[in-house]
Amino acid sequence: METLSVGVVIPSYNAAALIGSALQSALDQRPPPEQIIVVDDGSVDETACVVQKFGGVRYVEQPNRGPSAARNRGWRQLRTDAVVFLDADDSLLPGGLSVRRSLLTGGKAAWAYTDGFLEDRAAKRWPFSESYPPGGRRREGRILPDLLRRNFITTSSTIVRRDALEHAGGFDESLRFVEDWDLWLRLAVRHPAGFSSTPTFLQRLAPNTLSSNRDAMIRMRYQVLVKFQQLFPREVSTAGPLARRSVADAHNWFGYAFAEAGLWGQARPFLWTSVRLWPAQRRAWWLLIRCLANAHRPGGPLGSCTRGQDSATGAVEE
């Protein structure tokens, strides 16, 4: 049987209070990981002091560049066959690493993920899959159509062969949110996914500190789908109607925003892609015609032309 070496990458930013638990959970695995790397992403707390108390852990510092850059630096320094990503405020459950190894051994898959637990501040736990179910019924194999509808995989649940990660290009460092989803999509377009319902991780829910960035998160979610359409148009077109509808929604979000600003030229390609993916939508067609009619006119706000649009999601209206 194949012997699969595994490295664990833990990005950290001001996580001194919790990273010790994450490290201990990785060191307690049987068999243990061959390498553990902590990438300190510009912390100003006592993270370094905490990590230095643990033997067998490599500690790397860098200026604050975000979790994508930290994870990329970590996995690129590994010399193992596969990589497990573990956030500093999460933990591996006993036996979790063994479960993940088994999903990749024998050439079963190039990447895989598992279920786990969410835990709130009152220490109440429930399955991750209850809060983040897949977009359809498929949990393993060719999961791209379901992933295009929504992300149901968290970073601390995964294991990825290093060569698959290299081929996919790692995390997109220009993304500050949903960077994990962007990577899963690029892996899913090339490789079937393995899955186990056995819980292998504990993800602690921090107080919501991202509410002020809600608009940025929505924008990046749609940006990921637009980017994927540009890279893999054939795969989107064959992913099924619900997946195409999701990608059409993303293009409408940008198309409506540009059109409302009177930027007809910028709006037109987004709207055109949207109606090609999902023709049965009145507003996008009407707005596309407006863009064509105004292509050579000075731009101005469209006012009520987008009335009825879901301002939070930019969803299409049939």
C-alpha atoms as a PDB file:
ATOM      1  CA  MET A   1       0.000   0.000   0.000  1.00  0.00           C
ATOM      2  CA  GLU A   2       1.153   3.508  -0.779  1.00  0.00           C
ATOM      3  CA  THR A   3       2.776   5.388   2.090  1.00  0.00           C
ATOM      4  CA  LEU A   4       1.529   8.961   1.901  1.00  0.00           C
ATOM      5  CA  SER A   5       3.575  11.630   3.655  1.00  0.00           C
ATOM      6  CA  VAL A   6       1.517  14.558   4.939  1.00  0.00           C
ATOM      7  CA  GLY A   7       2.443  18.084   5.989  1.00  0.00           C
ATOM      8  CA  VAL A   8       0.233  20.448   7.975  1.00  0.00           C
ATOM      9  CA  VAL A   9       0.214  24.179   7.219  1.00  0.00           C
ATOM     10  CA  ILE A  10      -1.160  26.548   9.864  1.00  0.00           C
ATOM     11  CA  PRO A  11      -1.446  30.242   8.923  1.00  0.00           C
ATOM     12  CA  SER A  12      -1.605  32.511  11.941  1.00  0.00           C
ATOM     13  CA  TYR A  13      -2.455  36.136  12.546  1.00  0.00           C
ATOM     14  CA  ASN A  14      -2.649  37.246  16.191  1.00  0.00           C
ATOM     15  CA  ALA A  15      -3.816  33.771  17.214  1.00  0.00           C
ATOM     16  CA  ALA A  16      -1.627  33.258  20.286  1.00  0.00           C
ATOM     17  CA  ALA A  17      -4.653  32.335  22.424  1.00  0.00           C
ATOM     18  CA  LEU A  18      -5.685  29.404  20.214  1.00  0.00           C
ATOM     19  CA  ILE A  19      -2.773  28.242  18.077  1.00  0.00           C
ATOM     20  CA  GLY A  20      -1.410  26.042  20.861  1.00  0.00           C
ATOM     21  CA  SER A  21      -4.553  23.912  20.695  1.00  0.00           C
ATOM     22  CA  ALA A  22      -4.248  23.616  16.901  1.00  0.00           C
ATOM     23  CA  LEU A  23      -0.603  22.568  17.134  1.00  0.00           C
ATOM     24  CA  GLN A  24      -1.226  20.018  19.880  1.00  0.00           C
ATOM     25  CA  SER A  25      -4.068  18.479  17.895  1.00  0.00           C
ATOM     26  CA  ALA A  26      -1.720  18.019  14.919  1.00  0.00           C
ATOM     27  CA  LEU A  27       1.132  16.611  17.017  1.00  0.00           C
ATOM     28  CA  ASP A  28      -1.232  14.148  18.733  1.00  0.00           C
ATOM     29  CA  GLN A  29      -2.250  12.481  15.454  1.00  0.00           C
ATOM     30  CA  ARG A  30      -1.272   8.835  15.013  1.00  0.00           C
ATOM     31  CA  PRO A  31       0.632   8.504  12.817  1.00  0.00           C
ATOM     32  CA  PRO A  32       1.739  12.131  13.136  1.00  0.00           C
ATOM     33  CA  PRO A  33       2.301  14.405  10.137  1.00  0.00           C
ATOM     34  CA  GLU A  34       5.786  14.333   8.670  1.00  0.00           C
ATOM     35  CA  GLN A  35       6.014  18.146   8.757  1.00  0.00           C
ATOM     36  CA  ILE A  36       4.187  21.003  10.477  1.00  0.00           C
ATOM     37  CA  ILE A  37       4.730  24.595   9.367  1.00  0.00           C
ATOM     38  CA  VAL A  38       3.283  27.679  11.057  1.00  0.00           C
ATOM     39  CA  VAL A  39       3.324  30.798   8.884  1.00  0.00           C
ATOM     40  CA  ASP A  40       2.985  33.880  11.057  1.00  0.00           C
ATOM     41  CA  ASP A  41       1.297  36.508   8.887  1.00  0.00           C
ATOM     42  CA  GLY A  42       2.561  39.629  10.640  1.00  0.00           C
ATOM     43  CA  SER A  43       1.224  38.931  14.150  1.00  0.00           C
ATOM     44  CA  VAL A  44       1.851  41.497  16.877  1.00  0.00           C
ATOM     45  CA  ASP A  45       0.838  39.239  19.770  1.00  0.00           C
ATOM     46  CA  GLU A  46       2.699  36.353  21.465  1.00  0.00           C
ATOM     47  CA  THR A  47       2.255  33.832  18.641  1.00  0.00           C
ATOM     48  CA  ALA A  48       5.999  33.261  18.259  1.00  0.00           C
ATOM     49  CA  CYS A  49       6.425  32.515  21.974  1.00  0.00           C
ATOM     50  CA  VAL A  50       3.598  29.984  21.918  1.00  0.00           C
ATOM     51  CA  VAL A  51       4.881  28.163  18.838  1.00  0.00           C
ATOM     52  CA  GLN A  52       8.433  27.979  20.183  1.00  0.00           C
ATOM     53  CA  LYS A  53       7.197  25.814  23.069  1.00  0.00           C
ATOM     54  CA  PHE A  54       6.394  22.998  20.633  1.00  0.00           C
ATOM     55  CA  GLY A  55       9.095  20.749  19.248  1.00  0.00           C
ATOM     56  CA  GLY A  56       8.994  19.510  15.672  1.00  0.00           C
ATOM     57  CA  VAL A  57       7.271  22.621  14.335  1.00  0.00           C
ATOM     58  CA  ARG A  58       8.787  24.969  11.785  1.00  0.00           C
ATOM     59  CA  TYR A  59       7.972  28.631  12.354  1.00  0.00           C
ATOM     60  CA  VAL A  60       8.056  31.098   9.443  1.00  0.00           C
ATOM     61  CA  GLU A  61       7.398  34.836   9.692  1.00  0.00           C
ATOM     62  CA  GLN A  62       6.246  37.218   6.970  1.00  0.00           C
ATOM     63  CA  PRO A  63       4.724  40.711   6.763  1.00  0.00           C
ATOM     64  CA  ASN A  64       0.930  40.720   6.867  1.00  0.00           C
ATOM     65  CA  ARG A  65      -0.234  39.651   3.406  1.00  0.00           C
ATOM     66  CA  GLY A  66      -3.383  37.706   4.176  1.00  0.00           C
ATOM     67  CA  PRO A  67      -4.214  34.009   4.664  1.00  0.00           C
ATOM     68  CA  SER A  68      -3.803  33.071   0.999  1.00  0.00           C
ATOM     69  CA  ALA A  69      -0.206  34.263   0.921  1.00  0.00           C
ATOM     70  CA  ALA A  70       0.505  32.572   4.258  1.00  0.00           C
ATOM     71  CA  ARG A  71      -0.902  29.232   3.110  1.00  0.00           C
ATOM     72  CA  ASN A  72       0.964  29.431  -0.198  1.00  0.00           C
ATOM     73  CA  ARG A  73       4.256  30.103   1.515  1.00  0.00           C
ATOM     74  CA  GLY A  74       3.631  27.207   3.861  1.00  0.00           C
ATOM     75  CA  TRP A  75       2.756  24.476   1.364  1.00  0.00           C
ATOM     76  CA  ARG A  76       5.520  25.517  -1.022  1.00  0.00           C
ATOM     77  CA  GLN A  77       8.068  24.829   1.710  1.00  0.00           C
ATOM     78  CA  LEU A  78       6.742  21.341   2.417  1.00  0.00           C
ATOM     79  CA  ARG A  79       8.435  18.256   1.007  1.00  0.00           C
ATOM     80  CA  THR A  80       5.508  15.908   1.591  1.00  0.00           C
ATOM     81  CA  ASP A  81       3.188  14.122  -0.816  1.00  0.00           C
ATOM     82  CA  ALA A  82       0.068  15.842   0.513  1.00  0.00           C
ATOM     83  CA  VAL A  83      -0.934  18.972   2.393  1.00  0.00           C
ATOM     84  CA  VAL A  84      -3.475  19.525   5.164  1.00  0.00           C
ATOM     85  CA  PHE A  85      -4.490  23.111   5.892  1.00  0.00           C
ATOM     86  CA  LEU A  86      -5.489  23.889   9.471  1.00  0.00           C
ATOM     87  CA  ASP A  87      -6.580  27.342  10.581  1.00  0.00           C
ATOM     88  CA  ALA A  88      -4.980  28.518  13.805  1.00  0.00           C
ATOM     89  CA  ASP A  89      -8.288  28.647  15.688  1.00  0.00           C
ATOM     90  CA  ASP A  90      -9.355  25.143  14.570  1.00  0.00           C
ATOM     91  CA  SER A  91      -8.268  21.664  15.678  1.00  0.00           C
ATOM     92  CA  LEU A  92      -7.855  18.210  14.196  1.00  0.00           C
ATOM     93  CA  LEU A  93      -9.967  15.575  15.924  1.00  0.00           C
ATOM     94  CA  PRO A  94      -8.250  12.368  17.134  1.00  0.00           C
ATOM     95  CA  GLY A  95      -7.681  10.081  14.171  1.00  0.00           C
ATOM     96  CA  GLY A  96      -8.606  12.825  11.733  1.00  0.00           C
ATOM     97  CA  LEU A  97      -5.316  12.783   9.852  1.00  0.00           C
ATOM     98  CA  SER A  98      -5.507   9.015   9.374  1.00  0.00           C
ATOM     99  CA  VAL A  99      -9.008   9.364   7.886  1.00  0.00           C
ATOM    100  CA  ARG A 100      -7.765  11.942   5.418  1.00  0.00           C
ATOM    101  CA  ARG A 101      -4.681   9.927   4.432  1.00  0.00           C
ATOM    102  CA  SER A 102      -6.912   6.968   3.594  1.00  0.00           C
ATOM    103  CA  LEU A 103      -8.945   9.111   1.187  1.00  0.00           C
ATOM    104  CA  LEU A 104      -5.882   9.691  -1.003  1.00  0.00           C
ATOM    105  CA  THR A 105      -3.882   6.472  -0.652  1.00  0.00           C
ATOM    106  CA  GLY A 106      -3.836   4.076  -3.556  1.00  0.00           C
ATOM    107  CA  GLY A 107      -4.555   6.835  -6.049  1.00  0.00           C
ATOM    108  CA  LYS A 108      -8.166   7.122  -4.918  1.00  0.00           C
ATOM    109  CA  ALA A 109      -8.252  10.910  -5.286  1.00  0.00           C
ATOM    110  CA  ALA A 110      -6.008  13.938  -5.730  1.00  0.00           C
ATOM    111  CA  TRP A 111      -7.873  15.890  -3.075  1.00  0.00           C
ATOM    112  CA  ALA A 112     -10.529  15.204  -0.478  1.00  0.00           C
ATOM    113  CA  TYR A 113     -12.489  16.702   2.385  1.00  0.00           C
ATOM    114  CA  THR A 114     -14.490  15.500   5.369  1.00  0.00           C
ATOM    115  CA  ASP A 115     -17.243  16.532   7.688  1.00  0.00           C
ATOM    116  CA  GLY A 116     -16.428  18.041  11.067  1.00  0.00           C
ATOM    117  CA  PHE A 117     -17.943  20.069  13.864  1.00  0.00           C
ATOM    118  CA  LEU A 118     -18.720  23.723  14.371  1.00  0.00           C
ATOM    119  CA  GLU A 119     -18.468  25.037  17.916  1.00  0.00           C
ATOM    120  CA  ASP A 120     -19.939  28.301  19.209  1.00  0.00           C
ATOM    121  CA  ARG A 121     -18.705  30.392  22.139  1.00  0.00           C
ATOM    122  CA  ALA A 122     -20.907  28.398  24.514  1.00  0.00           C
ATOM    123  CA  ALA A 123     -19.091  25.190  23.452  1.00  0.00           C
ATOM    124  CA  LYS A 124     -22.176  23.858  21.668  1.00  0.00           C
ATOM    125  CA  ARG A 125     -21.245  21.635  18.718  1.00  0.00           C
ATOM    126  CA  TRP A 126     -23.066  20.492  15.601  1.00  0.00           C
ATOM    127  CA  PRO A 127     -21.995  18.949  12.247  1.00  0.00           C
ATOM    128  CA  PHE A 128     -20.458  21.318   9.741  1.00  0.00           C
ATOM    129  CA  SER A 129     -22.571  19.732   6.991  1.00  0.00           C
ATOM    130  CA  GLU A 130     -25.779  20.857   8.711  1.00  0.00           C
ATOM    131  CA  SER A 131     -24.831  24.499   8.297  1.00  0.00           C
ATOM    132  CA  TYR A 132     -23.110  24.113   4.920  1.00  0.00           C
ATOM    133  CA  PRO A 133     -24.830  21.375   2.901  1.00  0.00           C
ATOM    134  CA  PRO A 134     -23.713  20.771  -0.684  1.00  0.00           C
ATOM    135  CA  GLY A 135     -25.517  22.548  -3.485  1.00  0.00           C
ATOM    136  CA  GLY A 136     -26.908  19.191  -4.658  1.00  0.00           C
ATOM    137  CA  ARG A 137     -26.773  15.562  -3.604  1.00  0.00           C
ATOM    138  CA  ARG A 138     -23.223  14.798  -4.735  1.00  0.00           C
ATOM    139  CA  ARG A 139     -20.520  14.956  -2.049  1.00  0.00           C
ATOM    140  CA  GLU A 140     -17.698  13.183  -3.860  1.00  0.00           C
ATOM    141  CA  GLY A 141     -16.481  12.564  -7.366  1.00  0.00           C
ATOM    142  CA  ARG A 142     -17.295  15.271  -9.901  1.00  0.00           C
ATOM    143  CA  ILE A 143     -18.623  17.924  -7.532  1.00  0.00           C
ATOM    144  CA  LEU A 144     -17.966  20.963  -9.749  1.00  0.00           C
ATOM    145  CA  PRO A 145     -21.653  21.634 -10.615  1.00  0.00           C
ATOM    146  CA  ASP A 146     -22.565  21.718  -6.925  1.00  0.00           C
ATOM    147  CA  LEU A 147     -19.542  23.832  -5.999  1.00  0.00           C
ATOM    148  CA  LEU A 148     -20.506  26.417  -8.607  1.00  0.00           C
ATOM    149  CA  ARG A 149     -23.751  26.933  -6.703  1.00  0.00           C
ATOM    150  CA  ARG A 150     -22.187  27.412  -3.272  1.00  0.00           C
ATOM    151  CA  ASN A 151     -19.126  26.575  -1.207  1.00  0.00           C
ATOM    152  CA  PHE A 152     -19.646  23.692   1.223  1.00  0.00           C
ATOM    153  CA  ILE A 153     -15.983  22.904   1.966  1.00  0.00           C
ATOM    154  CA  THR A 154     -13.965  24.621   4.685  1.00  0.00           C
ATOM    155  CA  THR A 155     -10.186  24.902   4.576  1.00  0.00           C
ATOM    156  CA  SER A 156      -9.579  22.891   7.755  1.00  0.00           C
ATOM    157  CA  SER A 157     -11.480  19.911   6.294  1.00  0.00           C
ATOM    158  CA  THR A 158      -9.217  19.227   3.319  1.00  0.00           C
ATOM    159  CA  ILE A 159      -6.226  17.208   2.208  1.00  0.00           C
ATOM    160  CA  VAL A 160      -4.626  17.855  -1.202  1.00  0.00           C
ATOM    161  CA  ARG A 161      -1.840  16.126  -3.076  1.00  0.00           C
ATOM    162  CA  ARG A 162       0.987  18.571  -3.484  1.00  0.00           C
ATOM    163  CA  ASP A 163       1.283  18.051  -7.246  1.00  0.00           C
ATOM    164  CA  ALA A 164      -2.455  18.772  -7.694  1.00  0.00           C
ATOM    165  CA  LEU A 165      -2.060  21.915  -5.609  1.00  0.00           C
ATOM    166  CA  GLU A 166       0.927  22.957  -7.689  1.00  0.00           C
ATOM    167  CA  HIS A 167      -0.962  22.384 -10.926  1.00  0.00           C
ATOM    168  CA  ALA A 168      -3.976  24.354  -9.689  1.00  0.00           C
ATOM    169  CA  GLY A 169      -1.713  27.268  -8.746  1.00  0.00           C
ATOM    170  CA  GLY A 170      -2.456  27.416  -5.017  1.00  0.00           C
ATOM    171  CA  PHE A 171      -4.513  30.156  -3.424  1.00  0.00           C
ATOM    172  CA  ASP A 172      -5.225  33.390  -5.293  1.00  0.00           C
ATOM    173  CA  GLU A 173      -3.477  36.016  -3.170  1.00  0.00           C
ATOM    174  CA  SER A 174      -5.547  38.842  -4.645  1.00  0.00           C
ATOM    175  CA  LEU A 175      -8.626  37.496  -2.825  1.00  0.00           C
ATOM    176  CA  ARG A 176      -9.178  38.458   0.800  1.00  0.00           C
ATOM    177  CA  PHE A 177     -12.386  36.451   1.139  1.00  0.00           C
ATOM    178  CA  VAL A 178     -13.655  33.162  -0.386  1.00  0.00           C
ATOM    179  CA  GLU A 179     -10.116  32.349  -1.480  1.00  0.00           C
ATOM    180  CA  ASP A 180     -10.669  28.749  -0.407  1.00  0.00           C
ATOM    181  CA  TRP A 181     -13.736  28.361  -2.654  1.00  0.00           C
ATOM    182  CA  ASP A 182     -11.754  29.707  -5.589  1.00  0.00           C
ATOM    183  CA  LEU A 183      -9.143  26.976  -5.083  1.00  0.00           C
ATOM    184  CA  TRP A 184     -11.702  24.180  -4.630  1.00  0.00           C
ATOM    185  CA  LEU A 185     -13.283  25.152  -7.959  1.00  0.00           C
ATOM    186  CA  ARG A 186      -9.938  24.965  -9.742  1.00  0.00           C
ATOM    187  CA  LEU A 187      -9.218  21.584  -8.158  1.00  0.00           C
ATOM    188  CA  ALA A 188     -12.711  20.268  -8.905  1.00  0.00           C
ATOM    189  CA  VAL A 189     -12.482  21.123 -12.601  1.00  0.00           C
ATOM    190  CA  ARG A 190      -9.472  18.794 -12.907  1.00  0.00           C
ATOM    191  CA  HIS A 191      -9.925  16.124 -10.245  1.00  0.00           C
ATOM    192  CA  PRO A 192     -12.763  14.146  -8.651  1.00  0.00           C
ATOM    193  CA  ALA A 193     -12.987  14.780  -4.913  1.00  0.00           C
ATOM    194  CA  GLY A 194     -12.873  12.217  -2.147  1.00  0.00           C
ATOM    195  CA  PHE A 195     -15.157  12.588   0.849  1.00  0.00           C
ATOM    196  CA  SER A 196     -15.678  11.062   4.273  1.00  0.00           C
ATOM    197  CA  SER A 197     -18.602  11.733   6.593  1.00  0.00           C
ATOM    198  CA  THR A 198     -16.324  10.938   9.547  1.00  0.00           C
ATOM    199  CA  PRO A 199     -15.693  14.219  11.416  1.00  0.00           C
ATOM    200  CA  THR A 200     -11.996  15.127  11.395  1.00  0.00           C
ATOM    201  CA  PHE A 201     -11.921  18.749  12.545  1.00  0.00           C
ATOM    202  CA  LEU A 202     -13.369  21.224  14.996  1.00  0.00           C
ATOM    203  CA  GLN A 203     -14.000  24.737  13.717  1.00  0.00           C
ATOM    204  CA  ARG A 204     -14.554  27.385  16.356  1.00  0.00           C
ATOM    205  CA  LEU A 205     -16.930  30.188  15.469  1.00  0.00           C
ATOM    206  CA  ALA A 206     -15.536  33.588  16.361  1.00  0.00           C
ATOM    207  CA  PRO A 207     -17.763  36.620  16.897  1.00  0.00           C
ATOM    208  CA  ASN A 208     -18.833  38.048  13.547  1.00  0.00           C
ATOM    209  CA  THR A 209     -16.165  40.589  12.703  1.00  0.00           C
ATOM    210  CA  LEU A 210     -16.820  40.626   8.946  1.00  0.00           C
ATOM    211  CA  SER A 211     -20.233  42.292   8.852  1.00  0.00           C
ATOM    212  CA  SER A 212     -18.685  45.598   7.830  1.00  0.00           C
ATOM    213  CA  ASN A 213     -17.078  43.804   4.895  1.00  0.00           C
ATOM    214  CA  ARG A 214     -20.285  42.161   3.681  1.00  0.00           C
ATOM    215  CA  ASP A 215     -20.316  44.085   0.409  1.00  0.00           C
ATOM    216  CA  ALA A 216     -16.695  43.139  -0.248  1.00  0.00           C
ATOM    217  CA  MET A 217     -17.451  39.478   0.445  1.00  0.00           C
ATOM    218  CA  ILE A 218     -20.398  39.519  -1.968  1.00  0.00           C
ATOM    219  CA  ARG A 219     -18.290  41.193  -4.625  1.00  0.00           C
ATOM    220  CA  MET A 220     -15.488  38.657  -4.259  1.00  0.00           C
ATOM    221  CA  ARG A 221     -17.951  35.762  -4.381  1.00  0.00           C
ATOM    222  CA  TYR A 222     -19.181  36.974  -7.739  1.00  0.00           C
ATOM    223  CA  GLN A 223     -15.643  37.811  -8.819  1.00  0.00           C
ATOM    224  CA  VAL A 224     -14.648  34.174  -8.241  1.00  0.00           C
ATOM    225  CA  LEU A 225     -17.482  32.938 -10.473  1.00  0.00           C
ATOM    226  CA  VAL A 226     -16.680  35.451 -13.223  1.00  0.00           C
ATOM    227  CA  LYS A 227     -13.020  34.456 -13.083  1.00  0.00           C
ATOM    228  CA  PHE A 228     -13.926  30.779 -13.314  1.00  0.00           C
ATOM    229  CA  GLN A 229     -16.158  31.408 -16.330  1.00  0.00           C
ATOM    230  CA  GLN A 230     -13.303  33.201 -18.068  1.00  0.00           C
ATOM    231  CA  LEU A 231     -10.872  30.351 -17.354  1.00  0.00           C
ATOM    232  CA  PHE A 232     -13.219  27.423 -17.967  1.00  0.00           C
ATOM    233  CA  PRO A 233     -16.157  28.483 -20.176  1.00  0.00           C
ATOM    234  CA  ARG A 234     -16.723  24.991 -21.586  1.00  0.00           C
ATOM    235  CA  GLU A 235     -16.885  23.437 -18.130  1.00  0.00           C
ATOM    236  CA  VAL A 236     -19.439  26.021 -17.003  1.00  0.00           C
ATOM    237  CA  SER A 237     -21.597  25.460 -20.074  1.00  0.00           C
ATOM    238  CA  THR A 238     -21.749  21.722 -19.358  1.00  0.00           C
ATOM    239  CA  ALA A 239     -22.163  21.959 -15.582  1.00  0.00           C
ATOM    240  CA  GLY A 240     -25.954  21.936 -15.644  1.00  0.00           C
ATOM    241  CA  PRO A 241     -28.698  24.575 -15.469  1.00  0.00           C
ATOM    242  CA  LEU A 242     -28.416  25.416 -11.770  1.00  0.00           C
ATOM    243  CA  ALA A 243     -24.660  25.923 -12.011  1.00  0.00           C
ATOM    244  CA  ARG A 244     -25.079  28.102 -15.109  1.00  0.00           C
ATOM    245  CA  ARG A 245     -27.748  30.119 -13.306  1.00  0.00           C
ATOM    246  CA  SER A 246     -25.330  30.757 -10.448  1.00  0.00           C
ATOM    247  CA  VAL A 247     -22.628  32.014 -12.822  1.00  0.00           C
ATOM    248  CA  ALA A 248     -25.228  34.133 -14.672  1.00  0.00           C
ATOM    249  CA  ASP A 249     -26.157  35.772 -11.358  1.00  0.00           C
ATOM    250  CA  ALA A 250     -22.529  36.756 -10.862  1.00  0.00           C
ATOM    251  CA  HIS A 251     -22.319  38.392 -14.288  1.00  0.00           C
ATOM    252  CA  ASN A 252     -25.567  40.235 -13.694  1.00  0.00           C
ATOM    253  CA  TRP A 253     -24.218  41.670 -10.448  1.00  0.00           C
ATOM    254  CA  PHE A 254     -21.362  43.355 -12.302  1.00  0.00           C
ATOM    255  CA  GLY A 255     -23.437  44.156 -15.379  1.00  0.00           C
ATOM    256  CA  TYR A 256     -26.136  45.908 -13.353  1.00  0.00           C
ATOM    257  CA  ALA A 257     -23.557  47.844 -11.327  1.00  0.00           C
ATOM    258  CA  PHE A 258     -21.728  49.114 -14.417  1.00  0.00           C
ATOM    259  CA  ALA A 259     -24.954  49.944 -16.234  1.00  0.00           C
ATOM    260  CA  GLU A 260     -26.322  51.880 -13.294  1.00  0.00           C
ATOM    261  CA  ALA A 261     -23.134  53.945 -13.344  1.00  0.00           C
ATOM    262  CA  GLY A 262     -23.673  54.597 -17.055  1.00  0.00           C
ATOM    263  CA  LEU A 263     -20.623  52.521 -17.999  1.00  0.00           C
ATOM    264  CA  TRP A 264     -22.318  50.861 -20.962  1.00  0.00           C
ATOM    265  CA  GLY A 265     -19.216  49.334 -22.502  1.00  0.00           C
ATOM    266  CA  GLN A 266     -18.190  47.645 -19.274  1.00  0.00           C
ATOM    267  CA  ALA A 267     -21.712  46.385 -18.584  1.00  0.00           C
ATOM    268  CA  ARG A 268     -22.279  44.827 -21.986  1.00  0.00           C
ATOM    269  CA  PRO A 269     -19.903  41.795 -21.830  1.00  0.00           C
ATOM    270  CA  PHE A 270     -21.176  40.808 -18.380  1.00  0.00           C
ATOM    271  CA  LEU A 271     -24.802  40.947 -19.464  1.00  0.00           C
ATOM    272  CA  TRP A 272     -24.088  39.177 -22.725  1.00  0.00           C
ATOM    273  CA  THR A 273     -22.382  36.304 -20.903  1.00  0.00           C
ATOM    274  CA  SER A 274     -25.292  36.152 -18.466  1.00  0.00           C
ATOM    275  CA  VAL A 275     -27.990  35.771 -21.104  1.00  0.00           C
ATOM    276  CA  ARG A 276     -25.945  33.194 -22.999  1.00  0.00           C
ATOM    277  CA  LEU A 277     -25.696  31.099 -19.830  1.00  0.00           C
ATOM    278  CA  TRP A 278     -29.303  31.666 -18.751  1.00  0.00           C
ATOM    279  CA  PRO A 279     -31.500  33.034 -21.579  1.00  0.00           C
ATOM    280  CA  ALA A 280     -34.795  33.027 -19.646  1.00  0.00           C
ATOM    281  CA  GLN A 281     -34.431  36.394 -17.897  1.00  0.00           C
ATOM    282  CA  ARG A 282     -36.231  39.514 -19.016  1.00  0.00           C
ATOM    283  CA  ARG A 283     -34.331  42.210 -17.186  1.00  0.00           C
ATOM    284  CA  ALA A 284     -30.860  41.187 -18.334  1.00  0.00           C
ATOM    285  CA  TRP A 285     -32.003  41.121 -21.977  1.00  0.00           C
ATOM    286  CA  TRP A 286     -33.708  44.476 -21.662  1.00  0.00           C
ATOM    287  CA  LEU A 287     -30.703  46.011 -19.982  1.00  0.00           C
ATOM    288  CA  LEU A 288     -28.382  44.528 -22.591  1.00  0.00           C
ATOM    289  CA  ILE A 289     -30.469  46.202 -25.308  1.00  0.00           C
ATOM    290  CA  ARG A 290     -30.168  49.476 -23.387  1.00  0.00           C
ATOM    291  CA  CYS A 291     -26.390  49.014 -23.314  1.00  0.00           C
ATOM    292  CA  LEU A 292     -26.267  48.432 -27.067  1.00  0.00           C
ATOM    293  CA  ALA A 293     -28.477  51.463 -27.711  1.00  0.00           C
ATOM    294  CA  ASN A 294     -26.293  53.662 -25.507  1.00  0.00           C
ATOM    295  CA  ALA A 295     -22.971  52.290 -26.670  1.00  0.00           C
ATOM    296  CA  HIS A 296     -21.973  55.586 -28.293  1.00  0.00           C
ATOM    297  CA  ARG A 297     -23.731  57.996 -25.960  1.00  0.00           C
ATOM    298  CA  PRO A 298     -22.402  59.685 -22.837  1.00  0.00           C
ATOM    299  CA  GLY A 299     -23.270  57.560 -19.830  1.00  0.00           C
ATOM    300  CA  GLY A 300     -25.699  58.456 -17.094  1.00  0.00           C
ATOM    301  CA  PRO A 301     -27.467  56.636 -14.272  1.00  0.00           C
ATOM    302  CA  LEU A 302     -30.189  54.278 -15.377  1.00  0.00           C
ATOM    303  CA  GLY A 303     -32.410  55.013 -12.397  1.00  0.00           C
ATOM    304  CA  SER A 304     -35.342  52.617 -12.204  1.00  0.00           C
ATOM    305  CA  CYS A 305     -34.120  50.232 -14.894  1.00  0.00           C
ATOM    306  CA  THR A 306     -32.781  47.856 -12.225  1.00  0.00           C
ATOM    307  CA  ARG A 307     -35.849  48.058  -9.999  1.00  0.00           C
ATOM    308  CA  GLY A 308     -36.658  44.672  -8.540  1.00  0.00           C
ATOM    309  CA  GLN A 309     -33.029  43.526  -8.436  1.00  0.00           C
ATOM    310  CA  ASP A 310     -32.010  41.932  -5.167  1.00  0.00           C
ATOM    311  CA  SER A 311     -29.529  44.565  -4.043  1.00  0.00           C
ATOM    312  CA  ALA A 312     -27.798  42.151  -1.681  1.00  0.00           C
ATOM    313  CA  THR A 313     -27.156  39.347  -4.162  1.00  0.00           C
ATOM    314  CA  GLY A 314     -27.716  40.759  -7.615  1.00  0.00           C
ATOM    315  CA  ALA A 315     -29.846  37.715  -8.385  1.00  0.00           C
ATOM    316  CA  VAL A 316     -31.568  37.561 -11.736  1.00  0.00           C
ATOM    317  CA  GLU A 317     -35.316  37.994 -11.950  1.00  0.00           C
ATOM    318  CA  GLU A 318     -37.194  35.833 -14.404  1.00  0.00           C
END
